[in-house]
Protein backbone atom coordinates (compact mmCIF):
# COMPACT_ATOMS: atom_id res chain seq x y z
CA MET A 1 37.56 69.58 42.65
CA THR A 2 35.40 66.45 42.96
CA LYS A 3 32.34 68.38 41.75
CA LEU A 4 34.31 69.74 38.79
CA LEU A 5 35.53 66.26 37.91
CA GLY A 6 31.95 64.94 38.11
CA GLU A 7 30.71 67.65 35.74
CA GLU A 8 33.53 66.86 33.31
CA MET A 9 32.61 63.17 33.40
CA LYS A 10 28.96 64.05 32.65
CA ARG A 11 30.02 66.16 29.67
CA CYS A 12 32.24 63.36 28.42
CA ALA A 13 29.44 60.79 28.73
CA PHE A 14 27.03 63.08 26.92
CA SER A 15 29.61 63.68 24.17
CA ILE A 16 29.91 59.94 23.70
CA LEU A 17 26.12 59.72 23.45
CA LEU A 18 26.11 62.41 20.77
CA CYS A 19 28.90 60.70 18.86
CA LEU A 20 26.90 57.51 18.87
CA SER A 21 23.96 59.44 17.44
CA LEU A 22 26.04 60.22 14.37
CA ALA A 23 26.79 56.54 13.92
CA LEU A 24 23.18 55.50 14.42
CA SER A 25 22.00 56.25 10.92
CA ALA A 26 24.45 53.70 9.56
CA VAL A 27 23.54 51.08 12.17
CA ALA A 28 19.81 51.30 12.91
CA GLN A 29 17.71 49.13 10.67
CA ALA A 30 14.23 49.97 11.91
CA LYS A 31 11.93 52.07 9.79
CA ASP A 32 9.05 50.52 11.64
CA PHE A 33 8.74 47.60 13.99
CA THR A 34 5.97 45.42 15.28
CA PHE A 35 6.26 43.89 18.73
CA THR A 36 3.71 42.15 20.90
CA ASP A 37 4.01 43.00 24.57
CA HIS A 38 3.49 40.50 27.38
CA THR A 39 -0.23 41.38 27.57
CA GLY A 40 -0.78 40.67 23.86
CA LYS A 41 -0.91 44.31 22.71
CA LYS A 42 0.71 45.12 19.34
CA LEU A 43 3.26 47.96 19.42
CA THR A 44 4.52 49.65 16.25
CA LEU A 45 6.80 52.65 15.83
CA SER A 46 4.27 54.38 13.59
CA ASP A 47 1.70 54.26 16.43
CA TYR A 48 3.82 56.74 18.37
CA LYS A 49 4.32 59.52 15.80
CA GLY A 50 4.89 62.78 17.63
CA LYS A 51 6.61 61.07 20.57
CA TRP A 52 10.17 60.12 21.37
CA VAL A 53 10.29 56.31 21.38
CA LEU A 54 12.87 54.63 23.57
CA ILE A 55 13.54 50.91 23.10
CA ASN A 56 15.51 49.40 25.97
CA PHE A 57 16.97 45.89 25.71
CA TRP A 58 17.60 44.42 29.16
CA ALA A 59 17.82 41.19 31.18
CA THR A 60 16.94 40.21 34.73
CA TRP A 61 20.52 39.03 35.40
CA CYS A 62 22.10 42.33 34.25
CA PRO A 63 22.91 44.75 37.14
CA PRO A 64 23.30 47.87 34.91
CA CYS A 65 19.96 47.02 33.26
CA LEU A 66 18.20 46.87 36.61
CA LYS A 67 19.94 50.06 37.76
CA GLU A 68 18.60 52.13 34.83
CA ILE A 69 15.00 50.86 35.02
CA PRO A 70 13.85 53.34 37.73
CA ASP A 71 15.05 56.24 35.52
CA LEU A 72 13.16 54.79 32.54
CA VAL A 73 9.99 54.34 34.63
CA SER A 74 10.31 57.93 35.86
CA LEU A 75 10.83 59.25 32.33
CA TYR A 76 7.85 57.30 31.00
CA GLU A 77 5.52 58.30 33.81
CA SER A 78 6.40 61.99 33.78
CA ARG A 79 6.31 62.85 30.08
CA ASP A 80 3.51 62.58 27.53
CA ASP A 81 5.97 62.97 24.66
CA VAL A 82 7.97 59.82 25.48
CA MET A 83 7.09 56.16 24.93
CA VAL A 84 9.32 53.56 26.56
CA ILE A 85 9.28 49.92 25.49
CA GLY A 86 11.36 47.42 27.44
CA ILE A 87 12.50 44.30 25.65
CA ALA A 88 13.57 41.52 28.01
CA MET A 89 16.29 39.37 26.46
CA ASP A 90 18.15 36.20 27.38
CA TYR A 91 15.62 34.69 29.78
CA ARG A 92 14.67 31.08 30.43
CA ASN A 93 11.28 31.57 32.02
CA PRO A 94 8.88 34.40 31.10
CA GLN A 95 7.42 34.28 34.62
CA THR A 96 10.83 35.30 36.02
CA VAL A 97 10.78 38.38 33.80
CA LEU A 98 7.21 39.24 34.83
CA LYS A 99 8.13 38.91 38.53
CA TYR A 100 10.91 41.49 37.97
CA VAL A 101 8.49 43.75 36.10
CA LYS A 102 6.09 43.65 39.04
CA SER A 103 8.77 43.99 41.76
CA MET A 104 10.35 46.99 39.99
CA SER A 105 6.95 48.62 39.28
CA ILE A 106 7.67 48.84 35.56
CA SER A 107 4.69 50.67 34.08
CA TYR A 108 5.79 50.76 30.43
CA PRO A 109 5.15 47.89 28.00
CA ILE A 110 7.43 44.86 28.24
CA VAL A 111 8.18 42.62 25.28
CA LEU A 112 9.58 39.14 25.79
CA GLY A 113 12.26 39.40 23.14
CA ASP A 114 14.69 37.27 21.19
CA LYS A 115 17.18 37.74 18.34
CA LYS A 116 14.35 38.08 15.82
CA THR A 117 12.80 40.87 17.91
CA ALA A 118 16.12 42.68 18.24
CA ALA A 119 16.80 42.37 14.49
CA GLN A 120 13.86 44.72 13.84
CA ILE A 121 15.75 47.53 15.59
CA GLY A 122 19.48 46.96 15.19
CA PRO A 123 22.49 45.32 16.80
CA VAL A 124 22.29 44.32 20.45
CA SER A 125 25.83 43.23 21.26
CA MET A 126 25.58 43.81 25.01
CA LEU A 127 22.95 44.58 27.60
CA PRO A 128 21.64 47.09 28.30
CA THR A 129 21.30 48.60 24.84
CA THR A 130 18.98 51.53 24.24
CA TYR A 131 17.69 52.97 20.96
CA LEU A 132 15.91 56.32 20.79
CA PHE A 133 13.71 57.40 17.87
CA ASP A 134 12.72 61.03 17.38
CA PRO A 135 9.07 62.20 17.20
CA ALA A 136 9.11 61.77 13.41
CA GLY A 137 10.07 58.10 13.83
CA ASN A 138 13.66 58.50 12.71
CA PRO A 139 16.57 56.84 14.52
CA ALA A 140 18.10 59.52 16.77
CA VAL A 141 20.66 57.85 19.04
CA TYR A 142 21.61 54.53 20.57
CA LYS A 143 23.77 53.56 23.48
CA VAL A 144 25.30 50.33 24.65
CA GLY A 145 25.51 50.45 28.44
CA LEU A 146 23.81 52.33 31.22
CA VAL A 147 21.62 55.34 30.35
CA SER A 148 20.20 57.93 32.71
CA ARG A 149 17.03 59.98 32.57
CA GLU A 150 19.13 63.14 32.83
CA ASP A 151 21.22 62.30 29.75
CA LEU A 152 18.17 61.23 27.75
CA GLU A 153 16.25 64.40 28.59
CA GLU A 154 19.25 66.58 27.79
CA PHE A 155 19.57 64.87 24.39
CA MET A 156 15.84 65.26 23.68
CA ARG A 157 15.88 68.91 24.79
CA GLU A 158 18.82 69.72 22.51
CA ASN A 159 17.31 67.85 19.57
CA SER A 160 13.68 68.88 19.80
CA ALA A 161 11.78 71.80 18.38
CA ALA A 162 8.98 71.37 20.90
CA LYS A 163 9.12 71.78 24.66
CA PRO A 164 8.75 68.62 26.80
CA GLN A 165 5.20 67.80 27.78
CA SER A 166 4.91 66.77 31.42
CA ARG A 167 2.32 64.26 32.50
CA ARG A 168 0.13 65.45 35.33
CA VAL A 169 0.71 63.54 38.51
CA GLY A 170 -1.63 63.91 41.47
CA LYS A 171 -4.36 66.49 41.85
CA PRO A 172 -4.58 69.51 39.51
């Protein structure tokens, strides 16, 4: 019974994610964006044509944000067809953000964001907020609240013509 209830909850959560995807076209503002990550590298949506691009708005004080980061790191490190960009919001000291990045072994680019940064993508009413762009650069889905690797991969699998490309880890 508990397992059945858990499966039903997963389906419900995924349905909500899909419903949000229908609303995304009316909400997302980004046709392209330009961010500068904490190392000084410029990041633009058009640089990642052919890949799913996930933009995750988060904060160091946000427990759900910190909970989803390991899934985002895992997704980024295991797939060549996915680019993850984390945008740290609502921080006082950039060094605090960078300490979290190091302690959580975040391997994807981190942008020290603000309202102007967020405005390039769309509304960020709560944290975490995640936007996903398809390989053609079109807005695909967004979610306010916790996301999981499993839900993201299921969405990408159901909305992709190509098979996922795994990154090689370890020896061949």
